[in-house]
Amino acid sequence: MMNIKTIKLPQSERFPCTKRSVKESLADLDLISAEFRHSLLRTPRYAKLSFDGHVVANAGVARQRDLAWLYIFPVRQDQYPGSAAQEFQDRILPQLRAWFETEIRKQETACLATEEIFVVWTDGAHMLERVKFND
């Protein structure tokens, strides 16, 4: 069963999707935990990363293939219209699901790093940025 944690946001912010849409898209993938949270880019692991835009999600699969996660980050409502949230639900979540399925199926010996995708909202579009971390 998928574990989903969430936080309350001020009215000026929104998440790019709902808890329900994440459950509907990813609940049957056993290894995934999801968390609606504030940015993790301030942690040492991510401190050197730089994105042109606002990171609205991060998905990852551990090198050992025993853990997968999806972090959803808030964005100001005046910077992220309802149409962007709809696109995230209709287009980005299915892309992330396909990526999770591919990554989870890889044999552990074929994986030399932890792979992550950052979903960035920039210039009115979602961009997917792939990053590998050597753990």
N, C-alpha and C. Protein backbone atom coordinates (compact mmCIF):
# COMPACT_ATOMS: atom_id res chain seq x y z
N MET A 1 0.84 -1.19 0.00
CA MET A 1 0.00 0.00 0.00
C MET A 1 0.88 1.25 0.00
N MET A 2 0.50 2.22 -0.78
CA MET A 2 1.27 3.45 -0.91
C MET A 2 1.10 4.33 0.33
N ASN A 3 2.21 4.82 0.82
CA ASN A 3 2.21 5.73 1.95
C ASN A 3 2.29 7.16 1.41
N ILE A 4 1.31 8.01 1.75
CA ILE A 4 1.30 9.40 1.28
C ILE A 4 1.20 10.33 2.48
N LYS A 5 2.15 11.26 2.56
CA LYS A 5 2.14 12.28 3.61
C LYS A 5 1.87 13.63 2.95
N THR A 6 1.19 14.50 3.67
CA THR A 6 0.91 15.81 3.10
C THR A 6 0.98 16.88 4.19
N ILE A 7 1.09 18.12 3.76
CA ILE A 7 1.12 19.26 4.66
C ILE A 7 0.03 20.23 4.23
N LYS A 8 -0.32 21.11 5.13
CA LYS A 8 -1.27 22.18 4.81
C LYS A 8 -0.51 23.35 4.22
N LEU A 9 -1.15 24.00 3.26
CA LEU A 9 -0.53 25.16 2.61
C LEU A 9 -1.33 26.43 2.88
N PRO A 10 -0.66 27.58 2.83
CA PRO A 10 -1.41 28.82 2.87
C PRO A 10 -2.23 28.96 1.59
N GLN A 11 -3.25 29.77 1.59
CA GLN A 11 -4.12 29.92 0.43
C GLN A 11 -3.40 30.48 -0.79
N SER A 12 -2.26 31.08 -0.60
CA SER A 12 -1.51 31.65 -1.72
C SER A 12 -0.72 30.60 -2.50
N GLU A 13 -0.68 29.36 -1.99
CA GLU A 13 0.10 28.30 -2.64
C GLU A 13 -0.81 27.14 -3.03
N ARG A 14 -0.29 26.32 -3.95
CA ARG A 14 -0.99 25.11 -4.37
C ARG A 14 0.04 24.04 -4.69
N PHE A 15 -0.42 22.81 -4.68
CA PHE A 15 0.41 21.72 -5.18
C PHE A 15 0.04 21.49 -6.65
N PRO A 16 0.94 20.93 -7.44
CA PRO A 16 0.64 20.71 -8.85
C PRO A 16 -0.36 19.57 -9.10
N CYS A 17 -0.68 18.81 -8.05
CA CYS A 17 -1.66 17.73 -8.19
C CYS A 17 -2.25 17.46 -6.81
N THR A 18 -3.20 16.57 -6.78
CA THR A 18 -3.85 16.23 -5.52
C THR A 18 -3.36 14.87 -5.02
N LYS A 19 -3.58 14.63 -3.76
CA LYS A 19 -3.27 13.32 -3.16
C LYS A 19 -4.04 12.23 -3.90
N ARG A 20 -5.26 12.52 -4.24
CA ARG A 20 -6.10 11.56 -4.95
C ARG A 20 -5.52 11.21 -6.32
N SER A 21 -5.05 12.23 -7.06
CA SER A 21 -4.49 11.95 -8.39
C SER A 21 -3.21 11.11 -8.30
N VAL A 22 -2.42 11.32 -7.26
CA VAL A 22 -1.22 10.51 -7.06
C VAL A 22 -1.62 9.07 -6.76
N LYS A 23 -2.60 8.89 -5.88
CA LYS A 23 -3.07 7.54 -5.55
C LYS A 23 -3.59 6.82 -6.80
N GLU A 24 -4.40 7.52 -7.59
CA GLU A 24 -4.98 6.92 -8.79
C GLU A 24 -3.91 6.54 -9.80
N SER A 25 -2.85 7.31 -9.88
CA SER A 25 -1.80 7.08 -10.87
C SER A 25 -0.76 6.06 -10.44
N LEU A 26 -0.46 6.01 -9.14
CA LEU A 26 0.73 5.26 -8.71
C LEU A 26 0.50 4.25 -7.59
N ALA A 27 -0.68 4.15 -7.05
CA ALA A 27 -0.91 3.34 -5.84
C ALA A 27 -0.52 1.88 -5.99
N ASP A 28 -0.63 1.32 -7.18
CA ASP A 28 -0.33 -0.11 -7.34
C ASP A 28 1.17 -0.39 -7.50
N LEU A 29 2.00 0.64 -7.52
CA LEU A 29 3.45 0.44 -7.56
C LEU A 29 3.94 0.36 -6.11
N ASP A 30 4.24 -0.82 -5.65
CA ASP A 30 4.47 -1.10 -4.23
C ASP A 30 5.60 -0.32 -3.57
N LEU A 31 6.64 -0.04 -4.27
CA LEU A 31 7.82 0.53 -3.64
C LEU A 31 7.74 2.04 -3.41
N ILE A 32 6.70 2.66 -3.88
CA ILE A 32 6.65 4.12 -3.88
C ILE A 32 6.03 4.68 -2.61
N SER A 33 6.69 5.69 -2.08
CA SER A 33 6.08 6.52 -1.05
C SER A 33 5.98 7.92 -1.65
N ALA A 34 4.97 8.64 -1.28
CA ALA A 34 4.77 9.99 -1.81
C ALA A 34 4.64 10.96 -0.65
N GLU A 35 5.16 12.15 -0.87
CA GLU A 35 5.11 13.16 0.17
C GLU A 35 4.89 14.53 -0.46
N PHE A 36 3.87 15.21 0.03
CA PHE A 36 3.61 16.60 -0.35
C PHE A 36 4.31 17.43 0.71
N ARG A 37 5.36 18.15 0.30
CA ARG A 37 6.22 18.80 1.27
C ARG A 37 6.84 20.06 0.69
N HIS A 38 7.57 20.77 1.54
CA HIS A 38 8.34 21.92 1.06
C HIS A 38 9.63 21.41 0.44
N SER A 39 10.29 22.25 -0.28
CA SER A 39 11.45 21.89 -1.08
C SER A 39 12.53 21.16 -0.30
N LEU A 40 13.19 20.23 -0.98
CA LEU A 40 14.33 19.54 -0.40
C LEU A 40 15.63 20.03 -1.00
N LEU A 41 15.56 21.04 -1.86
CA LEU A 41 16.76 21.50 -2.56
C LEU A 41 17.76 22.20 -1.64
N ARG A 42 17.37 22.45 -0.41
CA ARG A 42 18.29 23.08 0.53
C ARG A 42 19.17 22.05 1.24
N THR A 43 18.89 20.79 1.06
CA THR A 43 19.70 19.75 1.70
C THR A 43 21.03 19.60 0.96
N PRO A 44 22.07 19.13 1.64
CA PRO A 44 23.40 19.05 1.01
C PRO A 44 23.43 18.27 -0.30
N ARG A 45 22.67 17.21 -0.40
CA ARG A 45 22.66 16.39 -1.62
C ARG A 45 22.25 17.20 -2.85
N TYR A 46 21.34 18.13 -2.65
CA TYR A 46 20.78 18.88 -3.78
C TYR A 46 21.29 20.32 -3.87
N ALA A 47 22.13 20.72 -2.95
CA ALA A 47 22.55 22.12 -2.87
C ALA A 47 23.21 22.64 -4.15
N LYS A 48 23.93 21.79 -4.87
CA LYS A 48 24.64 22.25 -6.06
C LYS A 48 23.78 22.24 -7.33
N LEU A 49 22.57 21.69 -7.23
CA LEU A 49 21.70 21.65 -8.41
C LEU A 49 21.10 23.03 -8.66
N SER A 50 20.95 23.35 -9.90
CA SER A 50 20.36 24.63 -10.28
C SER A 50 19.40 24.39 -11.44
N PHE A 51 18.17 24.86 -11.27
CA PHE A 51 17.16 24.70 -12.31
C PHE A 51 16.63 26.06 -12.72
N ASP A 52 16.33 26.19 -13.99
CA ASP A 52 15.76 27.42 -14.52
C ASP A 52 14.25 27.32 -14.42
N GLY A 53 13.71 27.66 -13.27
CA GLY A 53 12.28 27.57 -13.04
C GLY A 53 12.00 27.07 -11.63
N HIS A 54 10.77 26.68 -11.40
CA HIS A 54 10.34 26.24 -10.08
C HIS A 54 10.17 24.72 -10.08
N VAL A 55 10.88 24.03 -9.19
CA VAL A 55 10.76 22.57 -9.08
C VAL A 55 9.44 22.26 -8.38
N VAL A 56 8.56 21.53 -9.08
CA VAL A 56 7.25 21.18 -8.52
C VAL A 56 7.17 19.72 -8.10
N ALA A 57 8.14 18.90 -8.53
CA ALA A 57 8.14 17.49 -8.12
C ALA A 57 9.53 16.89 -8.29
N ASN A 58 9.77 15.85 -7.52
CA ASN A 58 11.01 15.07 -7.60
C ASN A 58 10.63 13.62 -7.45
N ALA A 59 11.09 12.80 -8.37
CA ALA A 59 10.84 11.36 -8.32
C ALA A 59 12.18 10.65 -8.35
N GLY A 60 12.29 9.58 -7.59
CA GLY A 60 13.55 8.87 -7.57
C GLY A 60 13.39 7.40 -7.28
N VAL A 61 14.43 6.66 -7.67
CA VAL A 61 14.51 5.23 -7.40
C VAL A 61 15.92 4.97 -6.87
N ALA A 62 15.98 4.33 -5.71
CA ALA A 62 17.27 4.02 -5.12
C ALA A 62 18.04 3.03 -5.99
N ARG A 63 19.34 3.12 -5.93
CA ARG A 63 20.21 2.26 -6.73
C ARG A 63 19.92 0.78 -6.49
N GLN A 64 19.60 0.42 -5.28
CA GLN A 64 19.31 -0.98 -4.94
C GLN A 64 17.92 -1.41 -5.43
N ARG A 65 17.15 -0.49 -5.95
CA ARG A 65 15.80 -0.75 -6.46
C ARG A 65 14.83 -1.24 -5.39
N ASP A 66 15.11 -0.91 -4.13
CA ASP A 66 14.23 -1.32 -3.05
C ASP A 66 13.36 -0.18 -2.53
N LEU A 67 13.50 1.00 -3.13
CA LEU A 67 12.74 2.16 -2.68
C LEU A 67 12.55 3.13 -3.84
N ALA A 68 11.35 3.64 -3.96
CA ALA A 68 11.05 4.68 -4.95
C ALA A 68 10.20 5.73 -4.25
N TRP A 69 10.36 6.99 -4.66
CA TRP A 69 9.63 8.06 -3.98
C TRP A 69 9.18 9.12 -4.97
N LEU A 70 8.17 9.85 -4.55
CA LEU A 70 7.69 11.01 -5.28
C LEU A 70 7.45 12.12 -4.27
N TYR A 71 8.15 13.24 -4.45
CA TYR A 71 7.95 14.42 -3.63
C TYR A 71 7.24 15.46 -4.48
N ILE A 72 6.21 16.05 -3.93
CA ILE A 72 5.44 17.10 -4.60
C ILE A 72 5.64 18.38 -3.81
N PHE A 73 6.01 19.46 -4.52
CA PHE A 73 6.33 20.72 -3.85
C PHE A 73 5.30 21.80 -4.21
N PRO A 74 5.04 22.69 -3.26
CA PRO A 74 4.08 23.76 -3.53
C PRO A 74 4.67 24.86 -4.41
N VAL A 75 3.78 25.58 -5.03
CA VAL A 75 4.15 26.73 -5.86
C VAL A 75 3.08 27.80 -5.64
N ARG A 76 3.47 29.03 -5.78
CA ARG A 76 2.50 30.12 -5.60
C ARG A 76 1.42 30.04 -6.67
N GLN A 77 0.19 30.26 -6.27
CA GLN A 77 -0.93 30.15 -7.20
C GLN A 77 -0.83 31.14 -8.36
N ASP A 78 -0.28 32.31 -8.10
CA ASP A 78 -0.18 33.30 -9.18
C ASP A 78 0.93 32.95 -10.18
N GLN A 79 1.75 31.94 -9.86
CA GLN A 79 2.82 31.49 -10.77
C GLN A 79 2.51 30.15 -11.42
N TYR A 80 1.41 29.53 -11.03
CA TYR A 80 1.10 28.18 -11.50
C TYR A 80 -0.41 28.06 -11.70
N PRO A 81 -0.88 28.28 -12.92
CA PRO A 81 -2.32 28.30 -13.16
C PRO A 81 -2.97 26.91 -13.06
N GLY A 82 -4.28 26.90 -12.97
CA GLY A 82 -5.02 25.65 -12.91
C GLY A 82 -4.76 24.76 -14.11
N SER A 83 -4.52 25.36 -15.27
CA SER A 83 -4.23 24.56 -16.47
C SER A 83 -2.91 23.81 -16.32
N ALA A 84 -1.96 24.37 -15.59
CA ALA A 84 -0.68 23.69 -15.34
C ALA A 84 -0.91 22.48 -14.43
N ALA A 85 -1.74 22.65 -13.41
CA ALA A 85 -2.06 21.54 -12.52
C ALA A 85 -2.78 20.42 -13.28
N GLN A 86 -3.66 20.80 -14.19
CA GLN A 86 -4.36 19.81 -15.00
C GLN A 86 -3.37 19.06 -15.90
N GLU A 87 -2.44 19.79 -16.49
CA GLU A 87 -1.43 19.16 -17.33
C GLU A 87 -0.55 18.21 -16.50
N PHE A 88 -0.21 18.62 -15.29
CA PHE A 88 0.59 17.76 -14.43
C PHE A 88 -0.15 16.45 -14.18
N GLN A 89 -1.41 16.55 -13.88
CA GLN A 89 -2.22 15.35 -13.62
C GLN A 89 -2.38 14.49 -14.87
N ASP A 90 -2.66 15.11 -16.00
CA ASP A 90 -2.97 14.36 -17.23
C ASP A 90 -1.73 13.86 -17.98
N ARG A 91 -0.64 14.61 -17.93
CA ARG A 91 0.52 14.27 -18.74
C ARG A 91 1.75 13.87 -17.92
N ILE A 92 2.04 14.61 -16.87
CA ILE A 92 3.28 14.37 -16.10
C ILE A 92 3.17 13.13 -15.23
N LEU A 93 2.07 12.96 -14.50
CA LEU A 93 1.94 11.77 -13.66
C LEU A 93 2.04 10.47 -14.48
N PRO A 94 1.39 10.36 -15.64
CA PRO A 94 1.58 9.15 -16.45
C PRO A 94 3.03 8.96 -16.92
N GLN A 95 3.72 10.05 -17.24
CA GLN A 95 5.13 9.94 -17.63
C GLN A 95 5.97 9.45 -16.45
N LEU A 96 5.68 9.96 -15.26
CA LEU A 96 6.42 9.52 -14.08
C LEU A 96 6.13 8.05 -13.79
N ARG A 97 4.89 7.64 -13.96
CA ARG A 97 4.55 6.23 -13.76
C ARG A 97 5.35 5.33 -14.70
N ALA A 98 5.40 5.70 -15.97
CA ALA A 98 6.15 4.91 -16.96
C ALA A 98 7.63 4.87 -16.58
N TRP A 99 8.17 6.00 -16.13
CA TRP A 99 9.57 6.04 -15.73
C TRP A 99 9.80 5.14 -14.51
N PHE A 100 8.92 5.22 -13.49
CA PHE A 100 9.03 4.35 -12.32
C PHE A 100 9.03 2.88 -12.73
N GLU A 101 8.10 2.50 -13.58
CA GLU A 101 8.00 1.10 -14.00
C GLU A 101 9.29 0.63 -14.67
N THR A 102 9.85 1.46 -15.53
CA THR A 102 11.10 1.12 -16.21
C THR A 102 12.25 1.00 -15.22
N GLU A 103 12.36 1.97 -14.33
CA GLU A 103 13.47 1.99 -13.38
C GLU A 103 13.39 0.85 -12.38
N ILE A 104 12.21 0.56 -11.89
CA ILE A 104 12.04 -0.49 -10.88
C ILE A 104 12.36 -1.86 -11.47
N ARG A 105 12.09 -2.04 -12.76
CA ARG A 105 12.34 -3.33 -13.42
C ARG A 105 13.82 -3.60 -13.71
N LYS A 106 14.62 -2.54 -13.72
CA LYS A 106 16.04 -2.73 -13.99
C LYS A 106 16.67 -3.61 -12.93
N GLN A 107 17.59 -4.45 -13.35
CA GLN A 107 18.31 -5.28 -12.40
C GLN A 107 19.26 -4.39 -11.59
N GLU A 108 19.41 -4.75 -10.34
CA GLU A 108 20.27 -3.97 -9.45
C GLU A 108 21.68 -3.83 -10.01
N THR A 109 22.18 -4.86 -10.64
CA THR A 109 23.54 -4.82 -11.19
C THR A 109 23.66 -3.88 -12.38
N ALA A 110 22.56 -3.49 -12.97
CA ALA A 110 22.58 -2.56 -14.11
C ALA A 110 22.54 -1.11 -13.65
N CYS A 111 22.40 -0.89 -12.35
CA CYS A 111 22.24 0.46 -11.82
C CYS A 111 23.45 0.87 -11.01
N LEU A 112 24.14 1.87 -11.49
CA LEU A 112 25.34 2.34 -10.82
C LEU A 112 25.11 3.59 -9.99
N ALA A 113 23.88 4.11 -10.02
CA ALA A 113 23.59 5.36 -9.31
C ALA A 113 22.11 5.42 -8.97
N THR A 114 21.79 6.31 -8.05
CA THR A 114 20.39 6.62 -7.76
C THR A 114 19.94 7.60 -8.83
N GLU A 115 18.84 7.29 -9.49
CA GLU A 115 18.34 8.13 -10.57
C GLU A 115 17.12 8.90 -10.10
N GLU A 116 17.07 10.17 -10.48
CA GLU A 116 15.97 11.02 -10.08
C GLU A 116 15.53 11.87 -11.26
N ILE A 117 14.26 12.26 -11.21
CA ILE A 117 13.70 13.21 -12.17
C ILE A 117 13.17 14.40 -11.38
N PHE A 118 13.48 15.57 -11.86
CA PHE A 118 12.93 16.80 -11.31
C PHE A 118 11.96 17.37 -12.34
N VAL A 119 10.76 17.68 -11.89
CA VAL A 119 9.77 18.31 -12.77
C VAL A 119 9.84 19.80 -12.48
N VAL A 120 10.19 20.57 -13.51
CA VAL A 120 10.41 22.01 -13.36
C VAL A 120 9.37 22.76 -14.17
N TRP A 121 8.72 23.72 -13.54
CA TRP A 121 7.77 24.60 -14.22
C TRP A 121 8.54 25.85 -14.65
N THR A 122 8.68 26.02 -15.95
CA THR A 122 9.45 27.15 -16.47
C THR A 122 8.84 27.66 -17.77
N ASP A 123 8.71 28.95 -17.90
CA ASP A 123 8.17 29.58 -19.12
C ASP A 123 6.85 28.96 -19.56
N GLY A 124 5.98 28.66 -18.60
CA GLY A 124 4.66 28.14 -18.91
C GLY A 124 4.62 26.70 -19.36
N ALA A 125 5.66 25.92 -19.04
CA ALA A 125 5.70 24.51 -19.44
C ALA A 125 6.42 23.67 -18.38
N HIS A 126 6.06 22.40 -18.33
CA HIS A 126 6.76 21.46 -17.46
C HIS A 126 7.94 20.87 -18.23
N MET A 127 9.08 20.84 -17.58
CA MET A 127 10.29 20.22 -18.14
C MET A 127 10.71 19.12 -17.18
N LEU A 128 11.16 18.00 -17.71
CA LEU A 128 11.66 16.90 -16.88
C LEU A 128 13.18 16.85 -16.99
N GLU A 129 13.84 17.01 -15.86
CA GLU A 129 15.30 17.01 -15.79
C GLU A 129 15.76 15.75 -15.08
N ARG A 130 16.57 14.93 -15.74
CA ARG A 130 17.07 13.68 -15.15
C ARG A 130 18.44 13.93 -14.52
N VAL A 131 18.61 13.37 -13.31
CA VAL A 131 19.86 13.53 -12.57
C VAL A 131 20.24 12.18 -11.98
N LYS A 132 21.55 11.87 -11.98
CA LYS A 132 22.06 10.65 -11.35
C LYS A 132 22.97 11.05 -10.21
N PHE A 133 22.83 10.35 -9.09
CA PHE A 133 23.68 10.55 -7.93
C PHE A 133 24.42 9.25 -7.65
N ASN A 134 25.74 9.34 -7.53
CA ASN A 134 26.52 8.17 -7.15
C ASN A 134 26.51 8.08 -5.63
N ASP A 135 25.80 7.10 -5.13
CA ASP A 135 25.68 6.95 -3.67
C ASP A 135 26.83 6.18 -3.10
